[in-house]
Amino acid sequence: MPERIVIVEDEEDIAKFLERRLVYEGYEVETVFDGETALKRIYDDPPALVLLDLTLPDIDGLIVTKELRDAKIDVPILMLTARDAIPDRVSGLDSGADDYMTKPYNIDELLAHVRALLRRAGGESGNEPLVFADLKLDPAARLAYRGERVVTLTAKEYDLLELFMRHPNQVLTRDQIFDKIWGYDFGGESNIIEVYIRYLRSKLEQDGEPRLIETVRGVGYVLRQS
């Protein structure tokens, strides 16, 4: 399932811009416009990450963050604010925020911070075995299995397969794959994704085993059962 992000931002134009871009990047997004509503929604259903504006119409982001931390809710919080003085940043981080960005921010840089926080948050459960159909991945040993058969993969092949295994049934665009496996600045016109998909398929589809990584023409690729 897509990772869920809650945006807490009282400026509607900014909130909608963030929401549109995050949805485009493949996240599930919920937007709220004040601190009390944010606390209720996060208490009821903690998301994968919170984008939290510091200045809100009722209670400010520092109080929201402190109340979440006092309630032992450890969801990653990226605080967004127009205040760029060092004491403001220190206050934000000391209240329990995981990261801090000042407005105006570059949206691509913000997305990089989001990805970094989500990766860090996933670290605790990152070594749990991943299973899809008869495909199994052991992140601790970096080993792959198709049924009882061990699938020998290079480092990049493994990383690519793990990306699909962590997002089953979700169409991953070429840009998303480039970003997560090769880095944001890698040449987007390269055919390296197609090459590695071909490598993976050749190793996963021996002895007539059914295809699991499918091409979504004009978009990207998806791990699913036909």
C-alpha atoms as a PDB file:
ATOM      1  CA  MET A   1       0.000   0.000   0.000  1.00  0.00           C
ATOM      2  CA  PRO A   2       1.184   3.580  -0.608  1.00  0.00           C
ATOM      3  CA  GLU A   3       2.738   5.305   2.397  1.00  0.00           C
ATOM      4  CA  ARG A   4       0.314   7.762   3.989  1.00  0.00           C
ATOM      5  CA  ILE A   5       1.336  11.341   4.726  1.00  0.00           C
ATOM      6  CA  VAL A   6      -0.657  13.897   6.729  1.00  0.00           C
ATOM      7  CA  ILE A   7      -0.160  17.556   5.763  1.00  0.00           C
ATOM      8  CA  VAL A   8      -0.944  20.081   8.506  1.00  0.00           C
ATOM      9  CA  GLU A   9      -0.982  23.482   6.816  1.00  0.00           C
ATOM     10  CA  ASP A  10      -3.445  26.360   7.257  1.00  0.00           C
ATOM     11  CA  GLU A  11      -2.574  28.090   3.963  1.00  0.00           C
ATOM     12  CA  GLU A  12      -4.862  26.291   1.538  1.00  0.00           C
ATOM     13  CA  ASP A  13      -2.881  27.081  -1.624  1.00  0.00           C
ATOM     14  CA  ILE A  14       0.322  25.670  -0.119  1.00  0.00           C
ATOM     15  CA  ALA A  15      -1.514  22.639   1.251  1.00  0.00           C
ATOM     16  CA  LYS A  16      -3.094  21.815  -2.108  1.00  0.00           C
ATOM     17  CA  PHE A  17       0.209  22.250  -3.943  1.00  0.00           C
ATOM     18  CA  LEU A  18       1.942  19.850  -1.541  1.00  0.00           C
ATOM     19  CA  GLU A  19      -0.939  17.398  -1.736  1.00  0.00           C
ATOM     20  CA  ARG A  20      -0.951  17.313  -5.545  1.00  0.00           C
ATOM     21  CA  ARG A  21       2.811  16.747  -5.737  1.00  0.00           C
ATOM     22  CA  LEU A  22       2.872  14.049  -3.059  1.00  0.00           C
ATOM     23  CA  VAL A  23      -0.019  12.196  -4.689  1.00  0.00           C
ATOM     24  CA  TYR A  24       1.836  12.388  -8.005  1.00  0.00           C
ATOM     25  CA  GLU A  25       4.863  10.844  -6.280  1.00  0.00           C
ATOM     26  CA  GLY A  26       2.740   7.862  -5.231  1.00  0.00           C
ATOM     27  CA  TYR A  27       1.852   8.707  -1.626  1.00  0.00           C
ATOM     28  CA  GLU A  28      -1.565   8.604  -0.011  1.00  0.00           C
ATOM     29  CA  VAL A  29      -2.211  12.096   1.367  1.00  0.00           C
ATOM     30  CA  GLU A  30      -4.579  13.610   3.913  1.00  0.00           C
ATOM     31  CA  THR A  31      -4.657  17.368   4.513  1.00  0.00           C
ATOM     32  CA  VAL A  32      -5.856  19.130   7.671  1.00  0.00           C
ATOM     33  CA  PHE A  33      -5.765  22.845   8.409  1.00  0.00           C
ATOM     34  CA  ASP A  34      -5.403  23.180  12.199  1.00  0.00           C
ATOM     35  CA  GLY A  35      -3.553  21.574  15.084  1.00  0.00           C
ATOM     36  CA  GLU A  36      -6.508  20.107  17.009  1.00  0.00           C
ATOM     37  CA  THR A  37      -7.796  18.283  13.931  1.00  0.00           C
ATOM     38  CA  ALA A  38      -4.281  17.078  13.194  1.00  0.00           C
ATOM     39  CA  LEU A  39      -3.873  15.622  16.676  1.00  0.00           C
ATOM     40  CA  LYS A  40      -7.199  13.792  16.468  1.00  0.00           C
ATOM     41  CA  ARG A  41      -6.467  12.312  13.047  1.00  0.00           C
ATOM     42  CA  ILE A  42      -2.924  11.270  13.974  1.00  0.00           C
ATOM     43  CA  TYR A  43      -4.044   9.759  17.300  1.00  0.00           C
ATOM     44  CA  ASP A  44      -6.800   7.797  15.538  1.00  0.00           C
ATOM     45  CA  ASP A  45      -4.690   6.593  12.614  1.00  0.00           C
ATOM     46  CA  PRO A  46      -0.947   7.390  12.756  1.00  0.00           C
ATOM     47  CA  PRO A  47       0.453   7.990   9.244  1.00  0.00           C
ATOM     48  CA  ALA A  48       3.889   7.168   7.874  1.00  0.00           C
ATOM     49  CA  LEU A  49       4.925  10.843   8.108  1.00  0.00           C
ATOM     50  CA  VAL A  50       3.598  14.289   9.074  1.00  0.00           C
ATOM     51  CA  LEU A  51       4.375  17.531   7.224  1.00  0.00           C
ATOM     52  CA  LEU A  52       3.669  20.094   9.936  1.00  0.00           C
ATOM     53  CA  ASP A  53       3.481  23.859   9.572  1.00  0.00           C
ATOM     54  CA  LEU A  54       4.804  25.631  12.653  1.00  0.00           C
ATOM     55  CA  THR A  55       2.263  28.488  12.592  1.00  0.00           C
ATOM     56  CA  LEU A  56      -1.314  27.242  12.842  1.00  0.00           C
ATOM     57  CA  PRO A  57      -4.546  29.105  13.679  1.00  0.00           C
ATOM     58  CA  ASP A  58      -5.217  27.334  16.986  1.00  0.00           C
ATOM     59  CA  ILE A  59      -2.223  25.583  18.573  1.00  0.00           C
ATOM     60  CA  ASP A  60       1.195  25.870  16.983  1.00  0.00           C
ATOM     61  CA  GLY A  61       3.304  23.085  15.542  1.00  0.00           C
ATOM     62  CA  LEU A  62       5.583  22.960  18.581  1.00  0.00           C
ATOM     63  CA  ILE A  63       2.639  22.038  20.814  1.00  0.00           C
ATOM     64  CA  VAL A  64       1.325  19.512  18.278  1.00  0.00           C
ATOM     65  CA  THR A  65       4.745  17.863  18.143  1.00  0.00           C
ATOM     66  CA  LYS A  66       5.186  17.806  21.925  1.00  0.00           C
ATOM     67  CA  GLU A  67       1.723  16.299  22.483  1.00  0.00           C
ATOM     68  CA  LEU A  68       2.395  13.567  19.927  1.00  0.00           C
ATOM     69  CA  ARG A  69       5.733  12.729  21.526  1.00  0.00           C
ATOM     70  CA  ASP A  70       4.224  12.786  25.046  1.00  0.00           C
ATOM     71  CA  ALA A  71       1.638  10.294  23.755  1.00  0.00           C
ATOM     72  CA  LYS A  72       4.507   8.041  22.528  1.00  0.00           C
ATOM     73  CA  ILE A  73       3.522   8.499  18.885  1.00  0.00           C
ATOM     74  CA  ASP A  74       6.831   8.250  17.034  1.00  0.00           C
ATOM     75  CA  VAL A  75       5.652   9.138  13.525  1.00  0.00           C
ATOM     76  CA  PRO A  76       8.340  11.125  11.646  1.00  0.00           C
ATOM     77  CA  ILE A  77       7.610  14.870  11.664  1.00  0.00           C
ATOM     78  CA  LEU A  78       9.004  17.307   9.093  1.00  0.00           C
ATOM     79  CA  MET A  79       8.349  20.815  10.372  1.00  0.00           C
ATOM     80  CA  LEU A  80       7.781  23.577   7.796  1.00  0.00           C
ATOM     81  CA  THR A  81       8.000  27.241   8.742  1.00  0.00           C
ATOM     82  CA  ALA A  82       8.809  30.739   7.546  1.00  0.00           C
ATOM     83  CA  ARG A  83      10.880  31.278  10.688  1.00  0.00           C
ATOM     84  CA  ASP A  84      14.515  30.707   9.780  1.00  0.00           C
ATOM     85  CA  ALA A  85      16.327  31.921  12.915  1.00  0.00           C
ATOM     86  CA  ILE A  86      18.524  29.311  14.579  1.00  0.00           C
ATOM     87  CA  PRO A  87      16.612  29.446  17.907  1.00  0.00           C
ATOM     88  CA  ASP A  88      13.400  28.623  16.021  1.00  0.00           C
ATOM     89  CA  ARG A  89      15.042  25.609  14.400  1.00  0.00           C
ATOM     90  CA  VAL A  90      16.411  24.461  17.747  1.00  0.00           C
ATOM     91  CA  SER A  91      12.968  24.823  19.351  1.00  0.00           C
ATOM     92  CA  GLY A  92      11.384  22.779  16.570  1.00  0.00           C
ATOM     93  CA  LEU A  93      13.877  19.951  16.857  1.00  0.00           C
ATOM     94  CA  ASP A  94      13.869  20.026  20.671  1.00  0.00           C
ATOM     95  CA  SER A  95      10.076  19.691  20.678  1.00  0.00           C
ATOM     96  CA  GLY A  96      10.486  16.330  18.945  1.00  0.00           C
ATOM     97  CA  ALA A  97      10.463  17.111  15.225  1.00  0.00           C
ATOM     98  CA  ASP A  98      12.738  14.924  13.099  1.00  0.00           C
ATOM     99  CA  ASP A  99      13.568  17.519  10.461  1.00  0.00           C
ATOM    100  CA  TYR A 100      13.035  21.223   9.773  1.00  0.00           C
ATOM    101  CA  MET A 101      12.705  23.198   6.519  1.00  0.00           C
ATOM    102  CA  THR A 102      12.133  26.908   6.045  1.00  0.00           C
ATOM    103  CA  LYS A 103       9.792  28.522   3.551  1.00  0.00           C
ATOM    104  CA  PRO A 104      10.111  29.078   0.683  1.00  0.00           C
ATOM    105  CA  TYR A 105      11.502  25.618   0.038  1.00  0.00           C
ATOM    106  CA  ASN A 106      12.395  23.790  -3.152  1.00  0.00           C
ATOM    107  CA  ILE A 107       9.809  21.044  -3.679  1.00  0.00           C
ATOM    108  CA  ASP A 108      12.365  18.526  -4.937  1.00  0.00           C
ATOM    109  CA  GLU A 109      14.513  19.127  -1.862  1.00  0.00           C
ATOM    110  CA  LEU A 110      11.450  18.691   0.352  1.00  0.00           C
ATOM    111  CA  LEU A 111      10.654  15.384  -1.356  1.00  0.00           C
ATOM    112  CA  ALA A 112      14.224  14.234  -0.743  1.00  0.00           C
ATOM    113  CA  HIS A 113      13.776  15.007   2.979  1.00  0.00           C
ATOM    114  CA  VAL A 114      10.480  13.095   2.960  1.00  0.00           C
ATOM    115  CA  ARG A 115      12.116  10.038   1.400  1.00  0.00           C
ATOM    116  CA  ALA A 116      15.027  10.176   3.842  1.00  0.00           C
ATOM    117  CA  LEU A 117      12.687  10.310   6.848  1.00  0.00           C
ATOM    118  CA  LEU A 118      10.573   7.441   5.528  1.00  0.00           C
ATOM    119  CA  ARG A 119      13.682   5.324   4.905  1.00  0.00           C
ATOM    120  CA  ARG A 120      14.936   6.065   8.412  1.00  0.00           C
ATOM    121  CA  ALA A 121      11.537   5.245   9.943  1.00  0.00           C
ATOM    122  CA  GLY A 122      11.411   1.953   8.031  1.00  0.00           C
ATOM    123  CA  GLY A 123      14.759   0.863   9.405  1.00  0.00           C
ATOM    124  CA  GLU A 124      13.392  -0.957  12.451  1.00  0.00           C
ATOM    125  CA  SER A 125      11.237  -3.292  10.388  1.00  0.00           C
ATOM    126  CA  GLY A 126      13.457  -3.174   7.343  1.00  0.00           C
ATOM    127  CA  ASN A 127      14.971  -6.612   8.003  1.00  0.00           C
ATOM    128  CA  GLU A 128      11.668  -8.492   8.171  1.00  0.00           C
ATOM    129  CA  PRO A 129      11.253 -11.049   5.338  1.00  0.00           C
ATOM    130  CA  LEU A 130       9.201  -9.809   2.384  1.00  0.00           C
ATOM    131  CA  VAL A 131       6.880 -12.266   0.652  1.00  0.00           C
ATOM    132  CA  PHE A 132       4.850 -11.926  -2.542  1.00  0.00           C
ATOM    133  CA  ALA A 133       3.328 -14.990  -4.233  1.00  0.00           C
ATOM    134  CA  ASP A 134       6.143 -17.586  -4.228  1.00  0.00           C
ATOM    135  CA  LEU A 135       8.810 -14.875  -4.144  1.00  0.00           C
ATOM    136  CA  LYS A 136      10.600 -14.260  -0.841  1.00  0.00           C
ATOM    137  CA  LEU A 137      13.224 -11.683   0.059  1.00  0.00           C
ATOM    138  CA  ASP A 138      15.445 -11.815   3.152  1.00  0.00           C
ATOM    139  CA  PRO A 139      16.743  -8.240   3.670  1.00  0.00           C
ATOM    140  CA  ALA A 140      19.008  -9.245   6.564  1.00  0.00           C
ATOM    141  CA  ALA A 141      20.942 -11.676   4.341  1.00  0.00           C
ATOM    142  CA  ARG A 142      20.103  -9.904   1.053  1.00  0.00           C
ATOM    143  CA  LEU A 143      18.937 -13.195  -0.427  1.00  0.00           C
ATOM    144  CA  ALA A 144      16.042 -13.908  -2.785  1.00  0.00           C
ATOM    145  CA  TYR A 145      14.046 -17.119  -3.276  1.00  0.00           C
ATOM    146  CA  ARG A 146      11.545 -18.234  -5.889  1.00  0.00           C
ATOM    147  CA  GLY A 147       9.811 -21.074  -4.114  1.00  0.00           C
ATOM    148  CA  GLU A 148      12.676 -23.204  -2.779  1.00  0.00           C
ATOM    149  CA  ARG A 149      15.115 -21.949  -5.389  1.00  0.00           C
ATOM    150  CA  VAL A 150      17.767 -19.422  -4.387  1.00  0.00           C
ATOM    151  CA  VAL A 151      17.932 -16.537  -6.873  1.00  0.00           C
ATOM    152  CA  THR A 152      21.438 -15.099  -7.173  1.00  0.00           C
ATOM    153  CA  LEU A 153      21.304 -11.328  -7.660  1.00  0.00           C
ATOM    154  CA  THR A 154      23.814  -8.529  -8.031  1.00  0.00           C
ATOM    155  CA  ALA A 155      23.613  -5.631  -5.550  1.00  0.00           C
ATOM    156  CA  LYS A 156      21.598  -3.393  -7.906  1.00  0.00           C
ATOM    157  CA  GLU A 157      19.307  -6.255  -8.968  1.00  0.00           C
ATOM    158  CA  TYR A 158      18.607  -6.945  -5.315  1.00  0.00           C
ATOM    159  CA  ASP A 159      17.888  -3.260  -4.577  1.00  0.00           C
ATOM    160  CA  LEU A 160      15.495  -3.068  -7.510  1.00  0.00           C
ATOM    161  CA  LEU A 161      13.658  -6.229  -6.501  1.00  0.00           C
ATOM    162  CA  GLU A 162      13.405  -5.018  -2.904  1.00  0.00           C
ATOM    163  CA  LEU A 163      11.833  -1.782  -4.118  1.00  0.00           C
ATOM    164  CA  PHE A 164       9.116  -3.760  -5.910  1.00  0.00           C
ATOM    165  CA  MET A 165       8.649  -6.088  -2.924  1.00  0.00           C
ATOM    166  CA  ARG A 166       8.096  -3.135  -0.612  1.00  0.00           C
ATOM    167  CA  HIS A 167       5.463  -1.693  -2.991  1.00  0.00           C
ATOM    168  CA  PRO A 168       3.511  -4.697  -4.312  1.00  0.00           C
ATOM    169  CA  ASN A 169       0.650  -3.987  -6.722  1.00  0.00           C
ATOM    170  CA  GLN A 170       1.771  -0.352  -6.950  1.00  0.00           C
ATOM    171  CA  VAL A 171       2.820   0.981 -10.344  1.00  0.00           C
ATOM    172  CA  LEU A 172       6.280   2.517  -9.977  1.00  0.00           C
ATOM    173  CA  THR A 173       7.140   5.133 -12.572  1.00  0.00           C
ATOM    174  CA  ARG A 174      10.538   5.262 -14.231  1.00  0.00           C
ATOM    175  CA  ASP A 175      11.283   8.500 -12.348  1.00  0.00           C
ATOM    176  CA  GLN A 176      10.474   6.882  -9.004  1.00  0.00           C
ATOM    177  CA  ILE A 177      12.730   3.931  -9.788  1.00  0.00           C
ATOM    178  CA  PHE A 178      15.581   6.177 -10.933  1.00  0.00           C
ATOM    179  CA  ASP A 179      15.223   8.269  -7.800  1.00  0.00           C
ATOM    180  CA  LYS A 180      15.255   5.402  -5.318  1.00  0.00           C
ATOM    181  CA  ILE A 181      17.797   3.083  -6.964  1.00  0.00           C
ATOM    182  CA  TRP A 182      20.165   5.298  -8.937  1.00  0.00           C
ATOM    183  CA  GLY A 183      19.623   8.714  -7.425  1.00  0.00           C
ATOM    184  CA  TYR A 184      17.597  11.736  -8.434  1.00  0.00           C
ATOM    185  CA  ASP A 185      20.205  13.186 -10.792  1.00  0.00           C
ATOM    186  CA  PHE A 186      20.800  10.023 -12.809  1.00  0.00           C
ATOM    187  CA  GLY A 187      20.154  10.516 -16.519  1.00  0.00           C
ATOM    188  CA  GLY A 188      16.450  10.017 -17.065  1.00  0.00           C
ATOM    189  CA  GLU A 189      16.855   9.089 -20.717  1.00  0.00           C
ATOM    190  CA  SER A 190      19.014   6.054 -19.956  1.00  0.00           C
ATOM    191  CA  ASN A 191      17.637   2.570 -20.662  1.00  0.00           C
ATOM    192  CA  ILE A 192      19.262   1.176 -17.524  1.00  0.00           C
ATOM    193  CA  ILE A 193      15.891   0.377 -15.931  1.00  0.00           C
ATOM    194  CA  GLU A 194      14.856  -1.733 -18.910  1.00  0.00           C
ATOM    195  CA  VAL A 195      18.212  -3.531 -18.793  1.00  0.00           C
ATOM    196  CA  TYR A 196      17.862  -4.395 -15.102  1.00  0.00           C
ATOM    197  CA  ILE A 197      14.224  -5.411 -15.454  1.00  0.00           C
ATOM    198  CA  ARG A 198      15.364  -7.818 -18.174  1.00  0.00           C
ATOM    199  CA  TYR A 199      18.086  -9.177 -15.879  1.00  0.00           C
ATOM    200  CA  LEU A 200      15.581  -9.696 -13.050  1.00  0.00           C
ATOM    201  CA  ARG A 201      13.034 -11.403 -15.259  1.00  0.00           C
ATOM    202  CA  SER A 202      15.618 -13.796 -16.661  1.00  0.00           C
ATOM    203  CA  LYS A 203      16.546 -14.845 -13.123  1.00  0.00           C
ATOM    204  CA  LEU A 204      13.023 -14.973 -11.703  1.00  0.00           C
ATOM    205  CA  GLU A 205      11.309 -16.758 -14.603  1.00  0.00           C
ATOM    206  CA  GLN A 206      13.378 -19.911 -15.001  1.00  0.00           C
ATOM    207  CA  ASP A 207      11.647 -23.251 -15.627  1.00  0.00           C
ATOM    208  CA  GLY A 208       8.430 -21.597 -16.803  1.00  0.00           C
ATOM    209  CA  GLU A 209       7.764 -19.685 -13.600  1.00  0.00           C
ATOM    210  CA  PRO A 210       5.059 -17.050 -14.137  1.00  0.00           C
ATOM    211  CA  ARG A 211       5.995 -13.408 -14.623  1.00  0.00           C
ATOM    212  CA  LEU A 212       5.595 -11.162 -11.570  1.00  0.00           C
ATOM    213  CA  ILE A 213       7.172  -7.880 -12.749  1.00  0.00           C
ATOM    214  CA  GLU A 214       4.878  -6.482 -15.425  1.00  0.00           C
ATOM    215  CA  THR A 215       5.337  -3.528 -17.755  1.00  0.00           C
ATOM    216  CA  VAL A 216       2.737  -0.757 -17.597  1.00  0.00           C
ATOM    217  CA  ARG A 217       3.210   0.772 -21.019  1.00  0.00           C
ATOM    218  CA  GLY A 218       4.104   4.455 -20.962  1.00  0.00           C
ATOM    219  CA  VAL A 219       4.240   4.560 -17.147  1.00  0.00           C
ATOM    220  CA  GLY A 220       6.601   2.085 -15.505  1.00  0.00           C
ATOM    221  CA  TYR A 221       6.493  -1.333 -13.855  1.00  0.00           C
ATOM    222  CA  VAL A 222       4.481  -3.165 -11.213  1.00  0.00           C
ATOM    223  CA  LEU A 223       4.923  -6.305  -9.103  1.00  0.00           C
ATOM    224  CA  ARG A 224       1.676  -8.244  -9.353  1.00  0.00           C
ATOM    225  CA  GLN A 225       0.172 -11.626 -10.176  1.00  0.00           C
ATOM    226  CA  SER A 226      -1.576 -11.895 -13.509  1.00  0.00           C
END
